Amino acid sequence: MKKIAFILFFGILFCSLNAFSQSEINQMDAQGKRHGVWKKNYEGTTQLRYEGTFEHGKEVGEFKFYCEECKDKPTVIKKFNGKDDVAEVKYFTIKGKLVSEGKMKDKDRIGEWVYYHEKSNNVMTRENYSNGKLEGKVITYYPSGKITEEITYKNGVKEGEDNYYSPEGVLLKKLLYREDQLQGQAFYYDAFGNVVIEGFYKDDKKHGLWKYYKDGKVVLEETFPKKDK
């Protein structure tokens, strides 16, 4: 009897503590705003969808977001400072590998964002955002750390030079964009930095005279657009 009473006592105590714990989350303040710790599961499951803390309707501190197959590894972590709508954000794979990180204001990316190579912690891409749109240079790197490509954006579209490099750092392509289209002189180089093709783009298409080189000499010339025969 004592053993049964002991089990019943701790069973009741556990249920009471669990009920108390549940009553401490997902609460509203007097104005009907979310306040305190909040946790939500995917419907019909025990898998967390998100968890974090609100202060009278405003996110503060760390929020973790999970996918339906994530178990205890979040795919997104946001850290709020409680002063404004800016959050430090990190994205992860389902296995917990860091994919990218930067800042967001509401749903817009702002400032520098960094992306990482799939099989290492080395930086793959650095880019900058203004009001959710790409602005300035986007630089992509080989796993070795050498630059793969440098391209410039303005208000979310390509605007300016696009330079592409070999793993050894040799310039292979030099292109020019205007309002997200190839416009102007274009150069292509071999692994030793010698020009092998040069021409001109207009409205994203080859235009005018294009020259092809071998051993420093022109071996072929083409004019675009080509006339129908």
C-alpha atoms as a PDB file:
ATOM      1  CA  MET A   1       0.000   0.000   0.000  1.00  0.00           C
ATOM      2  CA  LYS A   2       2.811   2.378   0.864  1.00  0.00           C
ATOM      3  CA  LYS A   3       4.433   1.674  -2.514  1.00  0.00           C
ATOM      4  CA  ILE A   4       1.174   2.368  -4.375  1.00  0.00           C
ATOM      5  CA  ALA A   5       0.599   5.571  -2.391  1.00  0.00           C
ATOM      6  CA  PHE A   6       4.194   6.660  -3.183  1.00  0.00           C
ATOM      7  CA  ILE A   7       3.674   6.104  -6.918  1.00  0.00           C
ATOM      8  CA  LEU A   8       0.338   7.937  -6.858  1.00  0.00           C
ATOM      9  CA  PHE A   9       1.852  10.854  -4.985  1.00  0.00           C
ATOM     10  CA  PHE A  10       4.666  11.369  -7.473  1.00  0.00           C
ATOM     11  CA  GLY A  11       2.300  10.832 -10.395  1.00  0.00           C
ATOM     12  CA  ILE A  12       0.074  13.624  -9.105  1.00  0.00           C
ATOM     13  CA  LEU A  13       3.111  15.802  -8.400  1.00  0.00           C
ATOM     14  CA  PHE A  14       4.451  15.284 -11.937  1.00  0.00           C
ATOM     15  CA  CYS A  15       1.088  16.135 -13.497  1.00  0.00           C
ATOM     16  CA  SER A  16       0.809  19.228 -11.326  1.00  0.00           C
ATOM     17  CA  LEU A  17       4.298  20.421 -12.271  1.00  0.00           C
ATOM     18  CA  ASN A  18       3.612  19.737 -15.926  1.00  0.00           C
ATOM     19  CA  ALA A  19       0.345  21.687 -15.767  1.00  0.00           C
ATOM     20  CA  PHE A  20       2.131  24.522 -13.976  1.00  0.00           C
ATOM     21  CA  SER A  21       4.849  24.498 -16.621  1.00  0.00           C
ATOM     22  CA  GLN A  22       2.277  24.610 -19.418  1.00  0.00           C
ATOM     23  CA  SER A  23       0.497  27.508 -17.739  1.00  0.00           C
ATOM     24  CA  GLU A  24       3.720  29.523 -17.781  1.00  0.00           C
ATOM     25  CA  ILE A  25       4.069  29.542 -21.594  1.00  0.00           C
ATOM     26  CA  ASN A  26       2.042  31.037 -24.464  1.00  0.00           C
ATOM     27  CA  GLN A  27       0.604  33.784 -22.250  1.00  0.00           C
ATOM     28  CA  MET A  28      -0.895  37.161 -23.107  1.00  0.00           C
ATOM     29  CA  ASP A  29      -0.537  40.445 -21.220  1.00  0.00           C
ATOM     30  CA  ALA A  30      -3.444  42.637 -20.158  1.00  0.00           C
ATOM     31  CA  GLN A  31      -3.538  44.220 -23.623  1.00  0.00           C
ATOM     32  CA  GLY A  32      -3.778  40.854 -25.369  1.00  0.00           C
ATOM     33  CA  LYS A  33      -0.176  40.868 -26.573  1.00  0.00           C
ATOM     34  CA  ARG A  34       2.076  37.838 -26.389  1.00  0.00           C
ATOM     35  CA  HIS A  35       4.237  37.991 -23.274  1.00  0.00           C
ATOM     36  CA  GLY A  36       6.817  35.644 -21.816  1.00  0.00           C
ATOM     37  CA  VAL A  37       7.961  32.316 -23.221  1.00  0.00           C
ATOM     38  CA  TRP A  38       6.141  31.023 -26.295  1.00  0.00           C
ATOM     39  CA  LYS A  39       6.410  27.597 -27.882  1.00  0.00           C
ATOM     40  CA  LYS A  40       4.480  26.217 -30.814  1.00  0.00           C
ATOM     41  CA  ASN A  41       4.492  22.734 -32.322  1.00  0.00           C
ATOM     42  CA  TYR A  42       3.632  21.647 -35.841  1.00  0.00           C
ATOM     43  CA  GLU A  43      -0.059  20.770 -35.862  1.00  0.00           C
ATOM     44  CA  GLY A  44      -0.753  17.254 -34.657  1.00  0.00           C
ATOM     45  CA  THR A  45       2.875  16.577 -33.701  1.00  0.00           C
ATOM     46  CA  THR A  46       5.287  17.021 -30.807  1.00  0.00           C
ATOM     47  CA  GLN A  47       7.859  18.655 -33.104  1.00  0.00           C
ATOM     48  CA  LEU A  48       8.633  22.251 -32.135  1.00  0.00           C
ATOM     49  CA  ARG A  49       7.952  24.847 -34.797  1.00  0.00           C
ATOM     50  CA  TYR A  50       9.430  27.759 -32.854  1.00  0.00           C
ATOM     51  CA  GLU A  51      10.313  28.877 -29.343  1.00  0.00           C
ATOM     52  CA  GLY A  52      11.233  32.281 -27.962  1.00  0.00           C
ATOM     53  CA  THR A  53      10.332  35.097 -25.619  1.00  0.00           C
ATOM     54  CA  PHE A  54       8.017  38.057 -26.128  1.00  0.00           C
ATOM     55  CA  GLU A  55       7.928  41.239 -24.117  1.00  0.00           C
ATOM     56  CA  HIS A  56       4.491  42.770 -24.484  1.00  0.00           C
ATOM     57  CA  GLY A  57       4.200  41.643 -28.111  1.00  0.00           C
ATOM     58  CA  LYS A  58       7.808  42.313 -29.091  1.00  0.00           C
ATOM     59  CA  GLU A  59      10.376  39.574 -29.744  1.00  0.00           C
ATOM     60  CA  VAL A  60      13.350  39.734 -27.380  1.00  0.00           C
ATOM     61  CA  GLY A  61      16.382  37.539 -26.987  1.00  0.00           C
ATOM     62  CA  GLU A  62      16.773  34.337 -28.964  1.00  0.00           C
ATOM     63  CA  PHE A  63      14.154  32.674 -31.148  1.00  0.00           C
ATOM     64  CA  LYS A  64      14.653  29.226 -32.616  1.00  0.00           C
ATOM     65  CA  PHE A  65      12.755  27.878 -35.619  1.00  0.00           C
ATOM     66  CA  TYR A  66      12.585  24.218 -36.592  1.00  0.00           C
ATOM     67  CA  CYS A  67      11.602  22.216 -39.653  1.00  0.00           C
ATOM     68  CA  GLU A  68       9.197  19.278 -39.332  1.00  0.00           C
ATOM     69  CA  GLU A  69      12.097  16.780 -39.421  1.00  0.00           C
ATOM     70  CA  CYS A  70      14.567  18.815 -37.356  1.00  0.00           C
ATOM     71  CA  LYS A  71      14.069  17.194 -33.943  1.00  0.00           C
ATOM     72  CA  ASP A  72      16.165  19.358 -31.569  1.00  0.00           C
ATOM     73  CA  LYS A  73      18.296  21.146 -34.208  1.00  0.00           C
ATOM     74  CA  PRO A  74      16.932  24.554 -35.322  1.00  0.00           C
ATOM     75  CA  THR A  75      17.298  25.599 -38.961  1.00  0.00           C
ATOM     76  CA  VAL A  76      16.999  29.308 -38.099  1.00  0.00           C
ATOM     77  CA  ILE A  77      18.101  31.251 -35.025  1.00  0.00           C
ATOM     78  CA  LYS A  78      17.188  34.915 -34.614  1.00  0.00           C
ATOM     79  CA  LYS A  79      18.553  37.133 -31.858  1.00  0.00           C
ATOM     80  CA  PHE A  80      16.580  40.290 -31.074  1.00  0.00           C
ATOM     81  CA  ASN A  81      17.948  43.181 -29.032  1.00  0.00           C
ATOM     82  CA  GLY A  82      14.533  44.453 -27.909  1.00  0.00           C
ATOM     83  CA  LYS A  83      15.305  48.012 -29.051  1.00  0.00           C
ATOM     84  CA  ASP A  84      14.306  47.861 -32.701  1.00  0.00           C
ATOM     85  CA  ASP A  85      13.128  45.396 -35.344  1.00  0.00           C
ATOM     86  CA  VAL A  86      16.667  44.283 -36.285  1.00  0.00           C
ATOM     87  CA  ALA A  87      17.676  40.687 -35.589  1.00  0.00           C
ATOM     88  CA  GLU A  88      20.913  38.764 -36.019  1.00  0.00           C
ATOM     89  CA  VAL A  89      20.014  35.714 -38.078  1.00  0.00           C
ATOM     90  CA  LYS A  90      21.702  32.379 -38.723  1.00  0.00           C
ATOM     91  CA  TYR A  91      20.549  29.633 -41.088  1.00  0.00           C
ATOM     92  CA  PHE A  92      21.558  25.994 -40.604  1.00  0.00           C
ATOM     93  CA  THR A  93      21.196  22.681 -42.421  1.00  0.00           C
ATOM     94  CA  ILE A  94      19.034  19.975 -40.862  1.00  0.00           C
ATOM     95  CA  LYS A  95      22.264  18.511 -39.457  1.00  0.00           C
ATOM     96  CA  GLY A  96      23.240  21.776 -37.771  1.00  0.00           C
ATOM     97  CA  LYS A  97      25.844  23.068 -40.277  1.00  0.00           C
ATOM     98  CA  LEU A  98      25.915  26.877 -40.530  1.00  0.00           C
ATOM     99  CA  VAL A  99      24.779  27.961 -44.013  1.00  0.00           C
ATOM    100  CA  SER A 100      24.626  31.753 -43.779  1.00  0.00           C
ATOM    101  CA  GLU A 101      24.372  34.633 -41.343  1.00  0.00           C
ATOM    102  CA  GLY A 102      23.547  38.319 -41.316  1.00  0.00           C
ATOM    103  CA  LYS A 103      20.951  40.812 -40.105  1.00  0.00           C
ATOM    104  CA  MET A 104      17.294  41.316 -40.923  1.00  0.00           C
ATOM    105  CA  LYS A 105      14.867  44.123 -40.290  1.00  0.00           C
ATOM    106  CA  ASP A 106      11.382  42.659 -40.309  1.00  0.00           C
ATOM    107  CA  LYS A 107      11.559  40.418 -43.406  1.00  0.00           C
ATOM    108  CA  ASP A 108      14.273  42.389 -45.227  1.00  0.00           C
ATOM    109  CA  ARG A 109      17.958  41.514 -45.195  1.00  0.00           C
ATOM    110  CA  ILE A 110      20.228  44.423 -44.331  1.00  0.00           C
ATOM    111  CA  GLY A 111      23.996  44.963 -44.225  1.00  0.00           C
ATOM    112  CA  GLU A 112      26.528  42.224 -44.892  1.00  0.00           C
ATOM    113  CA  TRP A 113      25.484  38.606 -45.314  1.00  0.00           C
ATOM    114  CA  VAL A 114      27.980  35.757 -45.335  1.00  0.00           C
ATOM    115  CA  TYR A 115      27.471  32.304 -46.863  1.00  0.00           C
ATOM    116  CA  TYR A 116      29.644  29.261 -46.177  1.00  0.00           C
ATOM    117  CA  HIS A 117      30.845  26.335 -48.282  1.00  0.00           C
ATOM    118  CA  GLU A 118      28.883  23.128 -47.846  1.00  0.00           C
ATOM    119  CA  LYS A 119      31.861  21.003 -46.770  1.00  0.00           C
ATOM    120  CA  SER A 120      33.803  23.523 -44.690  1.00  0.00           C
ATOM    121  CA  ASN A 121      33.475  26.645 -42.567  1.00  0.00           C
ATOM    122  CA  ASN A 122      35.228  28.747 -45.215  1.00  0.00           C
ATOM    123  CA  VAL A 123      33.347  31.740 -46.613  1.00  0.00           C
ATOM    124  CA  MET A 124      31.708  31.091 -49.997  1.00  0.00           C
ATOM    125  CA  THR A 125      30.024  34.457 -50.617  1.00  0.00           C
ATOM    126  CA  ARG A 126      29.909  37.937 -49.114  1.00  0.00           C
ATOM    127  CA  GLU A 127      27.140  40.300 -50.151  1.00  0.00           C
ATOM    128  CA  ASN A 128      25.458  43.459 -48.898  1.00  0.00           C
ATOM    129  CA  TYR A 129      21.801  44.397 -48.687  1.00  0.00           C
ATOM    130  CA  SER A 130      19.914  47.647 -48.395  1.00  0.00           C
ATOM    131  CA  ASN A 131      16.181  47.402 -47.664  1.00  0.00           C
ATOM    132  CA  GLY A 132      16.163  43.766 -48.704  1.00  0.00           C
ATOM    133  CA  LYS A 133      17.918  44.328 -52.047  1.00  0.00           C
ATOM    134  CA  LEU A 134      21.499  43.568 -53.074  1.00  0.00           C
ATOM    135  CA  GLU A 135      23.693  46.663 -53.047  1.00  0.00           C
ATOM    136  CA  GLY A 136      27.402  46.936 -53.850  1.00  0.00           C
ATOM    137  CA  LYS A 137      29.883  44.148 -54.501  1.00  0.00           C
ATOM    138  CA  VAL A 138      29.010  40.474 -54.249  1.00  0.00           C
ATOM    139  CA  ILE A 139      32.194  38.444 -53.863  1.00  0.00           C
ATOM    140  CA  THR A 140      32.285  34.658 -54.278  1.00  0.00           C
ATOM    141  CA  TYR A 141      35.234  32.542 -53.113  1.00  0.00           C
ATOM    142  CA  TYR A 142      36.741  29.178 -53.957  1.00  0.00           C
ATOM    143  CA  PRO A 143      37.071  26.783 -50.988  1.00  0.00           C
ATOM    144  CA  SER A 144      40.736  27.818 -50.883  1.00  0.00           C
ATOM    145  CA  GLY A 145      39.724  31.396 -50.063  1.00  0.00           C
ATOM    146  CA  LYS A 146      40.728  32.860 -53.439  1.00  0.00           C
ATOM    147  CA  ILE A 147      38.151  35.019 -55.214  1.00  0.00           C
ATOM    148  CA  THR A 148      35.977  33.286 -57.812  1.00  0.00           C
ATOM    149  CA  GLU A 149      33.858  36.227 -58.909  1.00  0.00           C
ATOM    150  CA  GLU A 150      33.274  39.918 -58.170  1.00  0.00           C
ATOM    151  CA  ILE A 151      30.066  41.489 -59.386  1.00  0.00           C
ATOM    152  CA  THR A 152      28.354  44.774 -58.508  1.00  0.00           C
ATOM    153  CA  TYR A 153      24.671  45.302 -57.742  1.00  0.00           C
ATOM    154  CA  LYS A 154      22.602  48.447 -57.458  1.00  0.00           C
ATOM    155  CA  ASN A 155      19.101  48.352 -56.001  1.00  0.00           C
ATOM    156  CA  GLY A 156      18.910  44.603 -56.493  1.00  0.00           C
ATOM    157  CA  VAL A 157      20.111  44.371 -60.107  1.00  0.00           C
ATOM    158  CA  LYS A 158      23.534  43.864 -61.701  1.00  0.00           C
ATOM    159  CA  GLU A 159      25.170  47.193 -62.441  1.00  0.00           C
ATOM    160  CA  GLY A 160      28.860  47.442 -63.302  1.00  0.00           C
ATOM    161  CA  GLU A 161      31.766  45.045 -63.791  1.00  0.00           C
ATOM    162  CA  ASP A 162      31.547  41.279 -63.484  1.00  0.00           C
ATOM    163  CA  ASN A 163      35.015  39.761 -63.104  1.00  0.00           C
ATOM    164  CA  TYR A 164      35.576  36.000 -62.945  1.00  0.00           C
ATOM    165  CA  TYR A 165      38.873  34.401 -61.835  1.00  0.00           C
ATOM    166  CA  SER A 166      40.582  31.020 -62.026  1.00  0.00           C
ATOM    167  CA  PRO A 167      41.544  29.134 -58.825  1.00  0.00           C
ATOM    168  CA  GLU A 168      45.036  30.549 -59.349  1.00  0.00           C
ATOM    169  CA  GLY A 169      43.724  34.126 -59.351  1.00  0.00           C
ATOM    170  CA  VAL A 170      43.975  34.757 -63.109  1.00  0.00           C
ATOM    171  CA  LEU A 171      41.223  36.919 -64.625  1.00  0.00           C
ATOM    172  CA  LEU A 172      39.185  34.738 -67.027  1.00  0.00           C
ATOM    173  CA  LYS A 173      36.182  36.951 -67.857  1.00  0.00           C
ATOM    174  CA  LYS A 174      35.580  40.685 -67.728  1.00  0.00           C
ATOM    175  CA  LEU A 175      31.996  41.684 -68.447  1.00  0.00           C
ATOM    176  CA  LEU A 176      29.870  44.776 -67.958  1.00  0.00           C
ATOM    177  CA  TYR A 177      26.254  45.039 -66.804  1.00  0.00           C
ATOM    178  CA  ARG A 178      23.754  47.862 -67.043  1.00  0.00           C
ATOM    179  CA  GLU A 179      20.336  47.429 -65.418  1.00  0.00           C
ATOM    180  CA  ASP A 180      20.810  43.648 -65.100  1.00  0.00           C
ATOM    181  CA  GLN A 181      21.766  43.138 -68.759  1.00  0.00           C
ATOM    182  CA  LEU A 182      25.118  42.598 -70.448  1.00  0.00           C
ATOM    183  CA  GLN A 183      26.034  45.892 -72.086  1.00  0.00           C
ATOM    184  CA  GLY A 184      29.373  47.002 -73.505  1.00  0.00           C
ATOM    185  CA  GLN A 185      32.842  45.537 -74.035  1.00  0.00           C
ATOM    186  CA  ALA A 186      33.534  41.933 -73.029  1.00  0.00           C
ATOM    187  CA  PHE A 187      36.849  40.095 -72.684  1.00  0.00           C
ATOM    188  CA  TYR A 188      37.591  36.387 -72.174  1.00  0.00           C
ATOM    189  CA  TYR A 189      41.056  35.166 -71.187  1.00  0.00           C
ATOM    190  CA  ASP A 190      42.962  31.885 -71.044  1.00  0.00           C
ATOM    191  CA  ALA A 191      44.627  30.453 -67.926  1.00  0.00           C
ATOM    192  CA  PHE A 192      47.701  32.619 -68.601  1.00  0.00           C
ATOM    193  CA  GLY A 193      45.798  35.905 -68.869  1.00  0.00           C
ATOM    194  CA  ASN A 194      45.902  36.175 -72.679  1.00  0.00           C
ATOM    195  CA  VAL A 195      42.821  37.473 -74.494  1.00  0.00           C
ATOM    196  CA  VAL A 196      41.118  34.678 -76.422  1.00  0.00           C
ATOM    197  CA  ILE A 197      37.805  36.391 -77.208  1.00  0.00           C
ATOM    198  CA  GLU A 198      36.720  40.004 -77.279  1.00  0.00           C
ATOM    199  CA  GLY A 199      33.466  41.549 -78.334  1.00  0.00           C
ATOM    200  CA  PHE A 200      30.514  43.691 -77.386  1.00  0.00           C
ATOM    201  CA  TYR A 201      27.133  43.056 -75.786  1.00  0.00           C
ATOM    202  CA  LYS A 202      23.967  45.011 -76.342  1.00  0.00           C
ATOM    203  CA  ASP A 203      20.803  44.249 -74.422  1.00  0.00           C
ATOM    204  CA  ASP A 204      22.211  40.920 -73.194  1.00  0.00           C
ATOM    205  CA  LYS A 205      23.128  39.738 -76.723  1.00  0.00           C
ATOM    206  CA  LYS A 206      26.325  39.693 -78.764  1.00  0.00           C
ATOM    207  CA  HIS A 207      26.489  42.785 -80.942  1.00  0.00           C
ATOM    208  CA  GLY A 208      28.903  44.070 -83.549  1.00  0.00           C
ATOM    209  CA  LEU A 209      32.359  42.607 -84.239  1.00  0.00           C
ATOM    210  CA  TRP A 210      33.626  39.672 -82.172  1.00  0.00           C
ATOM    211  CA  LYS A 211      37.237  38.499 -82.458  1.00  0.00           C
ATOM    212  CA  TYR A 212      38.724  35.115 -81.525  1.00  0.00           C
ATOM    213  CA  TYR A 213      42.445  34.754 -80.846  1.00  0.00           C
ATOM    214  CA  LYS A 214      45.013  31.976 -80.854  1.00  0.00           C
ATOM    215  CA  ASP A 215      48.617  32.583 -79.875  1.00  0.00           C
ATOM    216  CA  GLY A 216      47.889  36.316 -79.891  1.00  0.00           C
ATOM    217  CA  LYS A 217      46.560  36.358 -83.453  1.00  0.00           C
ATOM    218  CA  VAL A 218      43.015  36.752 -84.732  1.00  0.00           C
ATOM    219  CA  VAL A 219      41.805  33.424 -86.139  1.00  0.00           C
ATOM    220  CA  LEU A 220      38.128  34.245 -86.523  1.00  0.00           C
ATOM    221  CA  GLU A 221      35.878  37.276 -86.746  1.00  0.00           C
ATOM    222  CA  GLU A 222      32.093  37.321 -86.461  1.00  0.00           C
ATOM    223  CA  THR A 223      29.560  40.109 -86.694  1.00  0.00           C
ATOM    224  CA  PHE A 224      26.313  40.088 -84.726  1.00  0.00           C
ATOM    225  CA  PRO A 225      23.427  39.993 -85.241  1.00  0.00           C
ATOM    226  CA  LYS A 226      24.061  37.608 -88.081  1.00  0.00           C
ATOM    227  CA  LYS A 227      22.248  38.214 -91.331  1.00  0.00           C
ATOM    228  CA  ASP A 228      19.910  35.532 -92.624  1.00  0.00           C
ATOM    229  CA  LYS A 229      21.279  33.736 -95.616  1.00  0.00           C
END
